[in-house]
N, C-alpha and C. Protein backbone atom coordinates (compact mmCIF):
# COMPACT_ATOMS: atom_id res chain seq x y z
N MET A 1 8.57 -38.67 -40.64
CA MET A 1 8.01 -38.05 -39.45
C MET A 1 9.15 -37.44 -38.64
N THR A 2 8.95 -36.24 -38.16
CA THR A 2 10.01 -35.57 -37.40
C THR A 2 9.94 -35.99 -35.94
N LYS A 3 11.09 -35.99 -35.33
CA LYS A 3 11.20 -36.34 -33.91
C LYS A 3 10.63 -35.19 -33.07
N PRO A 4 9.82 -35.49 -32.03
CA PRO A 4 9.27 -34.40 -31.21
C PRO A 4 10.39 -33.66 -30.49
N LYS A 5 10.20 -32.36 -30.34
CA LYS A 5 11.21 -31.53 -29.68
C LYS A 5 11.26 -31.88 -28.19
N THR A 6 12.46 -31.97 -27.67
CA THR A 6 12.63 -32.23 -26.24
C THR A 6 13.38 -31.08 -25.60
N TYR A 7 13.18 -30.94 -24.32
CA TYR A 7 13.83 -29.90 -23.53
C TYR A 7 14.55 -30.60 -22.38
N ARG A 8 15.63 -30.03 -21.94
CA ARG A 8 16.40 -30.62 -20.86
C ARG A 8 16.33 -29.70 -19.64
N THR A 9 15.97 -30.28 -18.49
CA THR A 9 15.91 -29.50 -17.25
C THR A 9 17.32 -29.30 -16.70
N LYS A 10 17.41 -28.50 -15.68
CA LYS A 10 18.69 -28.22 -15.04
C LYS A 10 19.33 -29.51 -14.49
N THR A 11 18.49 -30.45 -14.05
CA THR A 11 19.00 -31.70 -13.50
C THR A 11 19.27 -32.75 -14.57
N GLY A 12 18.98 -32.44 -15.84
CA GLY A 12 19.28 -33.35 -16.92
C GLY A 12 18.10 -34.16 -17.41
N ARG A 13 16.94 -33.99 -16.80
CA ARG A 13 15.75 -34.74 -17.23
C ARG A 13 15.25 -34.18 -18.55
N GLU A 14 14.88 -35.07 -19.46
CA GLU A 14 14.34 -34.64 -20.75
C GLU A 14 12.83 -34.51 -20.67
N LEU A 15 12.30 -33.41 -21.18
CA LEU A 15 10.85 -33.18 -21.21
C LEU A 15 10.41 -33.01 -22.65
N THR A 16 9.29 -33.61 -22.99
CA THR A 16 8.71 -33.42 -24.31
C THR A 16 7.61 -32.37 -24.21
N ASP A 17 7.06 -31.99 -25.35
CA ASP A 17 5.93 -31.05 -25.35
C ASP A 17 4.76 -31.61 -24.55
N GLU A 18 4.55 -32.93 -24.61
CA GLU A 18 3.47 -33.56 -23.85
C GLU A 18 3.72 -33.43 -22.35
N ASP A 19 4.97 -33.61 -21.92
CA ASP A 19 5.31 -33.45 -20.51
C ASP A 19 5.01 -32.04 -20.03
N ILE A 20 5.39 -31.06 -20.84
CA ILE A 20 5.18 -29.66 -20.47
C ILE A 20 3.69 -29.34 -20.41
N THR A 21 2.91 -29.87 -21.35
CA THR A 21 1.47 -29.67 -21.33
C THR A 21 0.86 -30.27 -20.07
N ALA A 22 1.31 -31.46 -19.68
CA ALA A 22 0.81 -32.11 -18.47
C ALA A 22 1.18 -31.32 -17.23
N LEU A 23 2.40 -30.80 -17.18
CA LEU A 23 2.82 -29.99 -16.03
C LEU A 23 2.00 -28.71 -15.93
N ALA A 24 1.75 -28.07 -17.07
CA ALA A 24 0.96 -26.85 -17.08
C ALA A 24 -0.46 -27.12 -16.60
N ALA A 25 -1.04 -28.23 -17.02
CA ALA A 25 -2.40 -28.58 -16.58
C ALA A 25 -2.43 -28.83 -15.08
N ALA A 26 -1.40 -29.48 -14.56
CA ALA A 26 -1.34 -29.75 -13.12
C ALA A 26 -1.24 -28.45 -12.32
N VAL A 27 -0.47 -27.50 -12.81
CA VAL A 27 -0.31 -26.22 -12.13
C VAL A 27 -1.62 -25.43 -12.17
N GLU A 28 -2.30 -25.47 -13.30
CA GLU A 28 -3.54 -24.71 -13.45
C GLU A 28 -4.64 -25.24 -12.54
N THR A 29 -4.64 -26.53 -12.25
CA THR A 29 -5.68 -27.09 -11.40
C THR A 29 -5.31 -27.11 -9.92
N ALA A 30 -4.07 -26.84 -9.60
CA ALA A 30 -3.62 -26.85 -8.21
C ALA A 30 -4.03 -25.56 -7.50
N THR A 31 -4.14 -25.65 -6.19
CA THR A 31 -4.42 -24.45 -5.39
C THR A 31 -3.17 -24.15 -4.56
N TYR A 32 -2.81 -22.90 -4.52
CA TYR A 32 -1.62 -22.48 -3.80
C TYR A 32 -1.99 -21.43 -2.77
N ASP A 33 -1.32 -21.46 -1.64
CA ASP A 33 -1.49 -20.43 -0.62
C ASP A 33 -0.54 -19.29 -0.99
N VAL A 34 -1.08 -18.32 -1.69
CA VAL A 34 -0.26 -17.22 -2.22
C VAL A 34 0.43 -16.46 -1.10
N GLU A 35 -0.26 -16.21 0.00
CA GLU A 35 0.35 -15.47 1.11
C GLU A 35 1.53 -16.23 1.70
N ALA A 36 1.42 -17.54 1.79
CA ALA A 36 2.54 -18.35 2.30
C ALA A 36 3.72 -18.29 1.34
N LEU A 37 3.44 -18.31 0.05
CA LEU A 37 4.52 -18.22 -0.94
C LEU A 37 5.21 -16.86 -0.88
N LYS A 38 4.45 -15.80 -0.62
CA LYS A 38 5.04 -14.46 -0.55
C LYS A 38 5.95 -14.31 0.66
N THR A 39 5.62 -14.96 1.77
CA THR A 39 6.41 -14.79 2.99
C THR A 39 7.55 -15.79 3.10
N ARG A 40 7.66 -16.70 2.14
CA ARG A 40 8.71 -17.71 2.19
C ARG A 40 10.08 -17.05 2.12
N GLN A 41 10.99 -17.54 2.95
CA GLN A 41 12.35 -17.01 2.97
C GLN A 41 13.09 -17.42 1.70
N ARG A 42 13.85 -16.52 1.18
CA ARG A 42 14.66 -16.82 0.00
C ARG A 42 16.14 -16.70 0.38
N GLY A 43 16.97 -17.30 -0.41
CA GLY A 43 18.40 -17.22 -0.18
C GLY A 43 18.88 -18.31 0.77
N ARG A 44 20.09 -18.15 1.21
CA ARG A 44 20.69 -19.14 2.09
C ARG A 44 20.10 -19.02 3.49
N PRO A 45 20.03 -20.15 4.19
CA PRO A 45 19.52 -20.10 5.56
C PRO A 45 20.50 -19.35 6.47
N ALA A 46 19.96 -18.69 7.48
CA ALA A 46 20.79 -17.94 8.43
C ALA A 46 21.69 -18.90 9.19
N MET A 47 22.92 -18.47 9.46
CA MET A 47 23.87 -19.32 10.18
C MET A 47 24.01 -18.89 11.63
N GLY A 48 23.54 -17.73 11.97
CA GLY A 48 23.69 -17.25 13.33
C GLY A 48 22.64 -16.21 13.64
N SER A 49 23.00 -15.29 14.51
CA SER A 49 22.04 -14.28 14.97
C SER A 49 21.88 -13.12 13.99
N ALA A 50 22.75 -13.03 13.01
CA ALA A 50 22.69 -11.94 12.03
C ALA A 50 23.22 -12.46 10.70
N PRO A 51 23.03 -11.70 9.63
CA PRO A 51 23.57 -12.14 8.34
C PRO A 51 25.08 -12.36 8.42
N ALA A 52 25.54 -13.41 7.77
CA ALA A 52 26.96 -13.75 7.79
C ALA A 52 27.74 -12.82 6.87
N GLU A 53 29.01 -12.65 7.17
CA GLU A 53 29.89 -11.83 6.35
C GLU A 53 30.97 -12.71 5.74
N VAL A 54 31.42 -12.33 4.58
CA VAL A 54 32.54 -13.01 3.93
C VAL A 54 33.82 -12.37 4.44
N VAL A 55 34.75 -13.20 4.91
CA VAL A 55 36.03 -12.71 5.43
C VAL A 55 37.14 -13.39 4.65
N PRO A 56 37.79 -12.67 3.75
CA PRO A 56 38.88 -13.30 2.98
C PRO A 56 40.08 -13.60 3.87
N VAL A 57 40.62 -14.79 3.71
CA VAL A 57 41.78 -15.23 4.49
C VAL A 57 42.77 -15.88 3.55
N ARG A 58 44.04 -15.56 3.71
CA ARG A 58 45.08 -16.20 2.90
C ARG A 58 45.55 -17.46 3.62
N LEU A 59 45.63 -18.55 2.86
CA LEU A 59 46.11 -19.81 3.41
C LEU A 59 47.31 -20.28 2.59
N ASP A 60 48.32 -20.80 3.30
CA ASP A 60 49.45 -21.36 2.56
C ASP A 60 48.99 -22.65 1.90
N PRO A 61 49.68 -23.10 0.87
CA PRO A 61 49.23 -24.28 0.10
C PRO A 61 49.03 -25.53 0.96
N GLU A 62 49.91 -25.76 1.94
CA GLU A 62 49.78 -26.95 2.78
C GLU A 62 48.51 -26.90 3.64
N LEU A 63 48.22 -25.74 4.20
CA LEU A 63 47.02 -25.59 5.02
C LEU A 63 45.77 -25.73 4.16
N ARG A 64 45.81 -25.13 3.00
CA ARG A 64 44.67 -25.23 2.08
C ARG A 64 44.41 -26.69 1.70
N GLU A 65 45.47 -27.43 1.40
CA GLU A 65 45.31 -28.85 1.06
C GLU A 65 44.74 -29.64 2.22
N ALA A 66 45.20 -29.32 3.44
CA ALA A 66 44.70 -30.03 4.63
C ALA A 66 43.21 -29.74 4.84
N VAL A 67 42.80 -28.50 4.66
CA VAL A 67 41.40 -28.13 4.82
C VAL A 67 40.55 -28.83 3.77
N GLU A 68 41.01 -28.82 2.52
CA GLU A 68 40.26 -29.47 1.45
C GLU A 68 40.17 -30.98 1.65
N ALA A 69 41.25 -31.58 2.14
CA ALA A 69 41.24 -33.02 2.41
C ALA A 69 40.25 -33.36 3.51
N ARG A 70 40.21 -32.55 4.56
CA ARG A 70 39.26 -32.79 5.66
C ARG A 70 37.83 -32.62 5.16
N ALA A 71 37.60 -31.60 4.37
CA ALA A 71 36.26 -31.37 3.83
C ALA A 71 35.83 -32.56 2.97
N HIS A 72 36.72 -33.05 2.14
CA HIS A 72 36.41 -34.19 1.28
C HIS A 72 36.13 -35.43 2.12
N GLN A 73 36.95 -35.64 3.14
CA GLN A 73 36.81 -36.80 4.03
C GLN A 73 35.46 -36.77 4.76
N GLU A 74 35.02 -35.58 5.15
CA GLU A 74 33.78 -35.45 5.92
C GLU A 74 32.57 -35.12 5.05
N HIS A 75 32.76 -35.10 3.74
CA HIS A 75 31.67 -34.80 2.79
C HIS A 75 31.00 -33.47 3.12
N THR A 76 31.81 -32.46 3.31
CA THR A 76 31.31 -31.12 3.60
C THR A 76 32.12 -30.11 2.81
N THR A 77 31.94 -28.84 3.12
CA THR A 77 32.65 -27.79 2.39
C THR A 77 33.86 -27.31 3.18
N THR A 78 34.78 -26.67 2.47
CA THR A 78 35.94 -26.09 3.16
C THR A 78 35.48 -25.00 4.11
N SER A 79 34.46 -24.24 3.73
CA SER A 79 33.96 -23.19 4.61
C SER A 79 33.46 -23.77 5.93
N GLU A 80 32.75 -24.89 5.88
CA GLU A 80 32.23 -25.50 7.10
C GLU A 80 33.38 -25.99 7.98
N VAL A 81 34.42 -26.56 7.38
CA VAL A 81 35.58 -27.02 8.15
C VAL A 81 36.24 -25.83 8.85
N ILE A 82 36.41 -24.74 8.14
CA ILE A 82 37.04 -23.55 8.72
C ILE A 82 36.19 -22.95 9.83
N ARG A 83 34.85 -22.86 9.61
CA ARG A 83 33.96 -22.33 10.66
C ARG A 83 34.03 -23.19 11.91
N ARG A 84 34.00 -24.52 11.74
CA ARG A 84 34.05 -25.41 12.89
C ARG A 84 35.38 -25.27 13.64
N ALA A 85 36.47 -25.16 12.89
CA ALA A 85 37.79 -25.01 13.52
C ALA A 85 37.86 -23.71 14.32
N LEU A 86 37.33 -22.62 13.75
CA LEU A 86 37.33 -21.34 14.47
C LEU A 86 36.47 -21.39 15.71
N ARG A 87 35.29 -22.02 15.61
CA ARG A 87 34.41 -22.13 16.79
C ARG A 87 35.11 -22.92 17.90
N ASN A 88 35.78 -24.02 17.55
CA ASN A 88 36.49 -24.81 18.54
C ASN A 88 37.65 -24.03 19.15
N PHE A 89 38.40 -23.33 18.31
CA PHE A 89 39.57 -22.58 18.79
C PHE A 89 39.15 -21.43 19.70
N LEU A 90 38.08 -20.75 19.32
CA LEU A 90 37.62 -19.58 20.09
C LEU A 90 36.61 -19.96 21.18
N ASP A 91 36.24 -21.23 21.25
CA ASP A 91 35.27 -21.73 22.22
C ASP A 91 33.95 -20.95 22.13
N VAL A 92 33.46 -20.85 20.88
CA VAL A 92 32.21 -20.15 20.59
C VAL A 92 31.22 -21.18 20.07
N ALA A 93 29.99 -21.12 20.55
CA ALA A 93 28.98 -22.12 20.13
C ALA A 93 28.62 -22.01 18.69
C-alpha cells in the first residue's frame, strides 16, 4: 500500500488529501461578506499620516551593532529602534 501524499503549509503543518477535502468542504459551506473582503486593507499598516518612505542611511559598524543589540534586547526591529531614536531626538510624536 502506498503512503498517502502529504503537503506542507508555509508554517510547516502537514496536510493530507483528506485534510484538503475537509478544508474545501468547510469553505464551500461558509458564508462570506464579499463586500467586506473587497474593502479590506492590504499591505503593511500605515505608520503615520501618509505612506512611509524608505530612507537609506549609512551606519558605521559600531553604531549598526549597537542598534541591532538594542533591537534584539527589546524584541523589535532595527527599523523601529531607529524610528524611535529619531522621534526622541527631533521631539516628534
